[in-house]
Amino acid sequence: MRMKATKQTTLAEQISVSGVGVHSGLPVTLTLHPADADTGIVFARSDAEGREVLADYRSVTATELATVLGDRHGKLVSTAEHVLAALRSLGVDNVVVELDGPEVPIMDGSAAAFVAAIDQAGIVDLNAPRRYIKVLKPIRVAKGDAYGEIRPYARGFRVEVEIQFDCPLIGRQTLATDVDAGNFRSELSRARTFGFMKDVSGLWNAGYALGASFENTLVISEDRVLNPGGLRFRDEFVRHKALDAVGDLALAGAPLLGAYRSVRGGHRLNHAVLVALMADPSAWTLTEADAVQAPRRIRGHADVSTGLVAPAYGPDVS
């Protein structure tokens, strides 16, 4: 199947969602505004003298617990990864993400609310070709037993994620899927952020997770999910890590044509691989179209103890 030279897109109209920042605990409204061709994804703070920052890997100022973007004046917006994942996966190239606070609202801990908002606003073509970043050779970053790698891939964009936790509820989980609008909607967008009850007091003392609750975070004890609703997917934990990776890699600045593999990684590793890729001009090229085969279906596996997983609901502070 050949990918035709597609046009850039934006939203048909503006749309707003409101919620709370999972780390700041502050109420915030996020508004998605249509934007002209070649604008890219821009974050703007209406409460901070109109400061704005391009959603770009060079704008990342922190990756502890969430992806934070900023400029020469300091941090501008935190927890950008979920809305970035939704925009990139649904094919929105140009948009201004306006916030009246320091953090993207966590909503239910997943990207589902942002998908719904984009669907309600609608997507329209612009009179400019879409550009892609095509990976030409493998790039790998490792630290201890964790590593991330991006490599050429003929079918578009793919994520392969493996996590390992010393918690019987999670254990070792793997997931591999091509990321298109359909797969993102059905397999990744509803997976929520998660955290461990034993870490709560430490996070609060450090100024994190001040807005976390059972409504927006999957809270885990040693052997069970504490949220009354349980899990949306048996392997919701690795699906959420894949969602985060999609959002972090959206900071490439254009859709990626390549396959990304993460083993025991997170925001920091995702960003490190993207920085390493972009630092090597021989590892990628900018193209307006490419031959892309039909996407592959999702594959996943979870090594967890039986009888521990109940149906559940919540977001990620990890």
Protein backbone atom coordinates (compact mmCIF):
# COMPACT_ATOMS: atom_id res chain seq x y z
CA MET A 1 0.00 0.00 0.00
CA ARG A 2 1.50 3.37 -0.95
CA MET A 3 1.05 6.40 1.25
CA LYS A 4 0.02 9.28 -1.00
CA ALA A 5 1.40 12.78 -0.42
CA THR A 6 -1.19 13.85 2.15
CA LYS A 7 -2.00 17.38 3.14
CA GLN A 8 -1.36 19.01 6.49
CA THR A 9 -4.36 19.30 8.78
CA THR A 10 -5.81 21.40 11.56
CA LEU A 11 -9.05 21.44 13.56
CA ALA A 12 -12.30 22.64 12.01
CA GLU A 13 -13.13 24.67 15.13
CA GLN A 14 -11.83 25.32 18.62
CA ILE A 15 -12.78 23.04 21.50
CA SER A 16 -12.14 23.17 25.27
CA VAL A 17 -11.86 20.65 28.09
CA SER A 18 -11.42 21.33 31.80
CA GLY A 19 -9.93 19.32 34.62
CA VAL A 20 -7.19 19.27 37.22
CA GLY A 21 -3.42 18.89 36.97
CA VAL A 22 -2.40 15.51 38.36
CA HIS A 23 0.80 16.92 39.88
CA SER A 24 -0.07 20.58 40.52
CA GLY A 25 -3.58 19.87 41.81
CA LEU A 26 -4.72 23.11 40.13
CA PRO A 27 -7.86 23.47 38.00
CA VAL A 28 -7.09 24.17 34.35
CA THR A 29 -8.90 24.64 31.06
CA LEU A 30 -7.26 23.49 27.84
CA THR A 31 -8.48 24.90 24.52
CA LEU A 32 -7.44 23.52 21.14
CA HIS A 33 -7.37 26.25 18.46
CA PRO A 34 -7.12 25.76 14.67
CA ALA A 35 -3.79 26.91 13.23
CA ASP A 36 -2.28 27.67 9.84
CA ALA A 37 -0.10 25.28 7.86
CA ASP A 38 3.48 24.89 9.14
CA THR A 39 2.53 26.16 12.61
CA GLY A 40 3.04 22.76 14.19
CA ILE A 41 1.78 22.01 17.69
CA VAL A 42 2.22 25.05 19.93
CA PHE A 43 1.49 25.31 23.65
CA ALA A 44 0.44 28.77 24.86
CA ARG A 45 -0.24 30.02 28.39
CA SER A 46 -3.05 32.59 28.58
CA ASP A 47 -2.18 33.23 32.25
CA ALA A 48 1.54 33.80 31.68
CA GLU A 49 1.78 36.93 29.52
CA GLY A 50 1.03 34.96 26.39
CA ARG A 51 4.16 32.81 26.62
CA GLU A 52 4.21 29.97 24.12
CA VAL A 53 6.48 27.10 23.15
CA LEU A 54 6.68 24.81 20.15
CA ALA A 55 6.07 21.13 20.92
CA ASP A 56 9.61 20.07 20.04
CA TYR A 57 12.21 17.78 21.62
CA ARG A 58 14.45 20.81 22.17
CA SER A 59 11.76 22.39 24.37
CA VAL A 60 11.82 19.56 26.94
CA THR A 61 13.04 20.82 30.32
CA ALA A 62 12.21 17.82 32.55
CA THR A 63 11.15 14.17 32.22
CA GLU A 64 10.66 13.09 35.82
CA LEU A 65 7.15 11.57 36.17
CA ALA A 66 5.91 13.60 33.17
CA THR A 67 7.16 15.46 30.09
CA VAL A 68 7.65 19.17 30.79
CA LEU A 69 8.11 21.84 28.09
CA GLY A 70 9.60 25.26 28.59
CA ASP A 71 11.55 28.17 27.14
CA ARG A 72 14.40 30.46 28.20
CA HIS A 73 12.19 31.81 30.98
CA GLY A 74 11.67 28.36 32.50
CA LYS A 75 8.96 25.72 32.66
CA LEU A 76 5.81 26.49 30.69
CA VAL A 77 3.63 23.36 30.62
CA SER A 78 3.80 19.98 32.35
CA THR A 79 2.29 16.57 31.54
CA ALA A 80 2.05 17.30 27.82
CA GLU A 81 2.34 13.69 26.66
CA HIS A 82 -1.33 12.59 26.61
CA VAL A 83 -2.69 15.43 24.49
CA LEU A 84 0.37 15.16 22.22
CA ALA A 85 -0.31 11.44 21.71
CA ALA A 86 -3.92 12.14 20.74
CA LEU A 87 -3.07 14.95 18.33
CA ARG A 88 -0.29 13.05 16.58
CA SER A 89 -2.16 9.73 16.36
CA LEU A 90 -5.33 11.28 14.98
CA GLY A 91 -3.32 13.22 12.40
CA VAL A 92 -3.59 16.83 13.62
CA ASP A 93 -0.50 18.65 12.34
CA ASN A 94 -1.21 22.27 13.30
CA VAL A 95 -2.89 23.44 16.51
CA VAL A 96 -2.45 25.92 19.34
CA VAL A 97 -2.96 24.25 22.72
CA GLU A 98 -3.95 27.10 25.05
CA LEU A 99 -3.81 26.60 28.83
CA ASP A 100 -4.77 28.85 31.72
CA GLY A 101 -2.53 26.96 34.12
CA PRO A 102 0.86 25.21 34.35
CA GLU A 103 -0.24 21.66 33.55
CA VAL A 104 -2.35 19.84 30.98
CA PRO A 105 -5.44 18.49 32.77
CA ILE A 106 -5.12 14.80 33.56
CA MET A 107 -8.85 14.17 32.84
CA ASP A 108 -9.41 10.45 33.58
CA GLY A 109 -5.70 9.64 33.36
CA SER A 110 -5.81 8.62 29.71
CA ALA A 111 -5.99 10.36 26.32
CA ALA A 112 -9.66 9.48 25.77
CA ALA A 113 -11.00 12.96 26.59
CA PHE A 114 -8.62 14.57 24.11
CA VAL A 115 -9.63 12.09 21.41
CA ALA A 116 -13.29 12.96 22.06
CA ALA A 117 -12.53 16.69 21.88
CA ILE A 118 -10.67 16.34 18.57
CA ASP A 119 -13.53 14.29 17.17
CA GLN A 120 -16.05 16.92 18.25
CA ALA A 121 -14.04 19.76 16.69
CA GLY A 122 -13.36 17.85 13.46
CA ILE A 123 -10.23 17.77 11.31
CA VAL A 124 -9.79 19.67 8.02
CA ASP A 125 -7.09 19.65 5.34
CA LEU A 126 -4.83 22.62 4.67
CA ASN A 127 -3.27 23.58 1.37
CA ALA A 128 0.23 22.33 2.22
CA PRO A 129 1.85 18.90 2.02
CA ARG A 130 2.49 16.92 5.20
CA ARG A 131 6.12 16.12 5.93
CA TYR A 132 7.34 12.96 7.65
CA ILE A 133 10.56 12.08 9.45
CA LYS A 134 11.74 8.79 7.96
CA VAL A 135 14.17 6.77 10.07
CA LEU A 136 17.07 5.50 7.95
CA LYS A 137 19.15 3.49 10.43
CA PRO A 138 18.83 2.17 13.99
CA ILE A 139 19.58 4.47 16.90
CA ARG A 140 19.88 2.97 20.40
CA VAL A 141 20.24 4.43 23.90
CA ALA A 142 20.85 2.19 26.93
CA LYS A 143 21.20 2.71 30.65
CA GLY A 144 21.66 -0.37 32.81
CA ASP A 145 18.99 -2.92 31.93
CA ALA A 146 16.80 -0.28 30.27
CA TYR A 147 17.13 0.67 26.62
CA GLY A 148 15.31 2.36 23.80
CA GLU A 149 15.82 1.96 20.08
CA ILE A 150 14.28 3.44 16.96
CA ARG A 151 14.80 1.73 13.60
CA PRO A 152 13.55 1.87 10.00
CA TYR A 153 10.08 0.44 9.46
CA ALA A 154 8.15 0.07 6.19
CA ARG A 155 4.62 0.21 7.61
CA GLY A 156 4.49 3.68 9.14
CA PHE A 157 4.96 4.20 12.89
CA ARG A 158 5.18 1.35 15.40
CA VAL A 159 5.74 1.08 19.15
CA GLU A 160 7.04 -1.99 21.00
CA VAL A 161 7.08 -1.59 24.77
CA GLU A 162 8.16 -3.94 27.55
CA ILE A 163 7.82 -3.17 31.27
CA GLN A 164 8.90 -5.13 34.33
CA PHE A 165 7.74 -4.34 37.88
CA ASP A 166 8.41 -6.24 41.11
CA CYS A 167 4.69 -6.23 41.73
CA PRO A 168 2.65 -9.39 41.10
CA LEU A 169 -0.21 -7.36 39.71
CA ILE A 170 1.95 -5.98 36.89
CA GLY A 171 4.95 -8.30 36.47
CA ARG A 172 6.33 -8.37 32.92
CA GLN A 173 4.08 -6.98 30.19
CA THR A 174 4.78 -6.44 26.50
CA LEU A 175 2.88 -4.73 23.72
CA ALA A 176 3.62 -4.15 20.04
CA THR A 177 1.37 -2.26 17.65
CA ASP A 178 1.41 -0.06 14.60
CA VAL A 179 0.06 3.33 15.61
CA ASP A 180 -2.65 4.75 13.40
CA ALA A 181 -5.87 6.53 14.34
CA GLY A 182 -7.85 3.30 14.59
CA ASN A 183 -5.36 1.39 16.74
CA PHE A 184 -4.76 4.39 18.97
CA ARG A 185 -8.47 4.84 19.62
CA SER A 186 -9.20 1.21 20.42
CA GLU A 187 -5.98 -0.05 21.99
CA LEU A 188 -4.08 2.83 23.59
CA SER A 189 -6.12 5.98 24.15
CA ARG A 190 -8.14 4.66 27.11
CA ALA A 191 -5.18 3.24 29.07
CA ARG A 192 -4.68 5.25 32.26
CA THR A 193 -1.74 6.49 34.27
CA PHE A 194 -0.86 4.54 37.41
CA GLY A 195 0.98 4.79 40.70
CA PHE A 196 1.69 2.80 43.85
CA MET A 197 0.02 3.53 47.19
CA LYS A 198 3.36 3.08 48.98
CA ASP A 199 4.82 6.02 47.03
CA VAL A 200 2.01 8.50 47.70
CA SER A 201 3.39 10.25 50.78
CA GLY A 202 6.82 10.61 49.18
CA LEU A 203 5.33 12.11 46.02
CA TRP A 204 3.22 14.57 48.03
CA ASN A 205 6.24 15.65 50.08
CA ALA A 206 8.14 16.24 46.84
CA GLY A 207 5.30 18.34 45.41
CA TYR A 208 3.98 15.74 42.98
CA ALA A 209 0.62 13.96 42.57
CA LEU A 210 -1.22 16.73 44.42
CA GLY A 211 -4.20 16.29 42.10
CA ALA A 212 -4.15 12.50 41.89
CA SER A 213 -7.29 10.62 42.87
CA PHE A 214 -9.15 7.41 42.13
CA GLU A 215 -10.92 9.37 39.36
CA ASN A 216 -7.71 10.03 37.44
CA THR A 217 -5.08 7.51 38.56
CA LEU A 218 -4.87 3.74 38.85
CA VAL A 219 -3.73 3.22 42.42
CA ILE A 220 -1.97 -0.07 43.12
CA SER A 221 -1.23 -1.89 46.37
CA GLU A 222 1.01 -4.96 46.44
CA ASP A 223 -1.60 -7.31 45.02
CA ARG A 224 -4.62 -5.36 43.78
CA VAL A 225 -5.95 -2.24 42.10
CA LEU A 226 -7.64 -0.08 44.72
CA ASN A 227 -9.94 1.74 42.28
CA PRO A 228 -13.50 0.42 42.57
CA GLY A 229 -13.82 -0.07 38.80
CA GLY A 230 -10.69 -2.17 38.24
CA LEU A 231 -8.70 -2.31 34.98
CA ARG A 232 -9.91 -1.43 31.50
CA PHE A 233 -7.42 -3.89 29.98
CA ARG A 234 -5.61 -6.79 31.62
CA ASP A 235 -2.36 -5.18 30.42
CA GLU A 236 -3.45 -1.56 30.92
CA PHE A 237 -0.10 -0.69 32.50
CA VAL A 238 2.02 -1.42 29.41
CA ARG A 239 -0.63 0.13 27.17
CA HIS A 240 -0.32 3.36 29.11
CA LYS A 241 3.46 3.29 28.80
CA ALA A 242 2.99 2.88 25.04
CA LEU A 243 0.61 5.86 25.03
CA ASP A 244 3.24 7.93 26.84
CA ALA A 245 5.87 6.89 24.28
CA VAL A 246 3.64 8.00 21.40
CA GLY A 247 3.21 11.39 23.06
CA ASP A 248 6.89 11.83 23.85
CA LEU A 249 7.93 10.91 20.29
CA ALA A 250 5.39 13.41 18.91
CA LEU A 251 8.01 15.97 19.90
CA ALA A 252 10.01 14.99 16.81
CA GLY A 253 8.10 17.83 15.13
CA ALA A 254 6.56 15.72 12.36
CA PRO A 255 5.05 12.22 12.09
CA LEU A 256 7.69 9.50 12.38
CA LEU A 257 8.12 6.67 9.91
CA GLY A 258 9.92 4.11 12.05
CA ALA A 259 9.58 1.53 14.83
CA TYR A 260 10.34 2.45 18.44
CA ARG A 261 11.21 -0.17 21.06
CA SER A 262 11.38 0.61 24.77
CA VAL A 263 12.45 -1.88 27.46
CA ARG A 264 11.94 -0.76 31.08
CA GLY A 265 11.92 2.83 29.92
CA GLY A 266 9.85 5.96 30.47
CA HIS A 267 9.75 9.65 29.58
CA ARG A 268 13.49 10.17 30.08
CA LEU A 269 14.46 7.28 27.82
CA ASN A 270 11.89 8.22 25.17
CA HIS A 271 13.33 11.72 25.02
CA ALA A 272 16.93 10.49 25.00
CA VAL A 273 16.30 8.29 21.97
CA LEU A 274 14.60 11.13 20.12
CA VAL A 275 17.47 13.49 20.88
CA ALA A 276 20.00 10.87 19.70
CA LEU A 277 18.06 10.32 16.48
CA MET A 278 17.80 13.99 15.61
CA ALA A 279 21.47 14.57 16.47
CA ASP A 280 22.54 12.16 13.70
CA PRO A 281 21.64 13.65 10.29
CA SER A 282 22.49 10.34 8.61
CA ALA A 283 19.83 8.52 10.66
CA TRP A 284 16.78 10.29 9.25
CA THR A 285 15.43 12.31 6.37
CA LEU A 286 12.48 14.62 5.85
CA THR A 287 10.05 13.41 3.19
CA GLU A 288 6.60 14.36 1.95
CA ALA A 289 5.57 10.82 1.06
CA ASP A 290 6.85 7.29 1.43
CA ALA A 291 5.95 3.73 0.51
CA VAL A 292 4.17 2.28 3.53
CA GLN A 293 2.76 -1.23 3.79
CA ALA A 294 -0.52 -2.04 5.51
CA PRO A 295 -0.35 -1.72 9.34
CA ARG A 296 -0.05 -4.77 11.56
CA ARG A 297 -2.46 -5.63 14.35
CA ILE A 298 -1.59 -5.27 18.00
CA ARG A 299 0.26 -7.98 19.90
CA GLY A 300 0.50 -8.06 23.66
CA HIS A 301 1.39 -10.30 26.56
CA ALA A 302 1.15 -9.97 30.32
CA ASP A 303 2.88 -12.26 32.83
CA VAL A 304 0.79 -11.60 35.91
CA SER A 305 -0.48 -13.89 38.63
CA THR A 306 -3.98 -15.14 37.91
CA GLY A 307 -6.86 -13.95 40.04
CA LEU A 308 -5.28 -10.57 40.84
CA VAL A 309 -6.76 -8.44 38.08
CA ALA A 310 -10.22 -7.03 38.55
CA PRO A 311 -11.95 -4.72 36.05
CA ALA A 312 -10.46 -1.18 36.81
CA TYR A 313 -10.17 2.57 35.99
CA GLY A 314 -7.54 5.38 36.57
CA PRO A 315 -4.44 7.63 35.34
CA ASP A 316 -0.59 7.40 35.58
CA VAL A 317 1.63 9.22 38.05
CA SER A 318 4.55 6.96 37.21
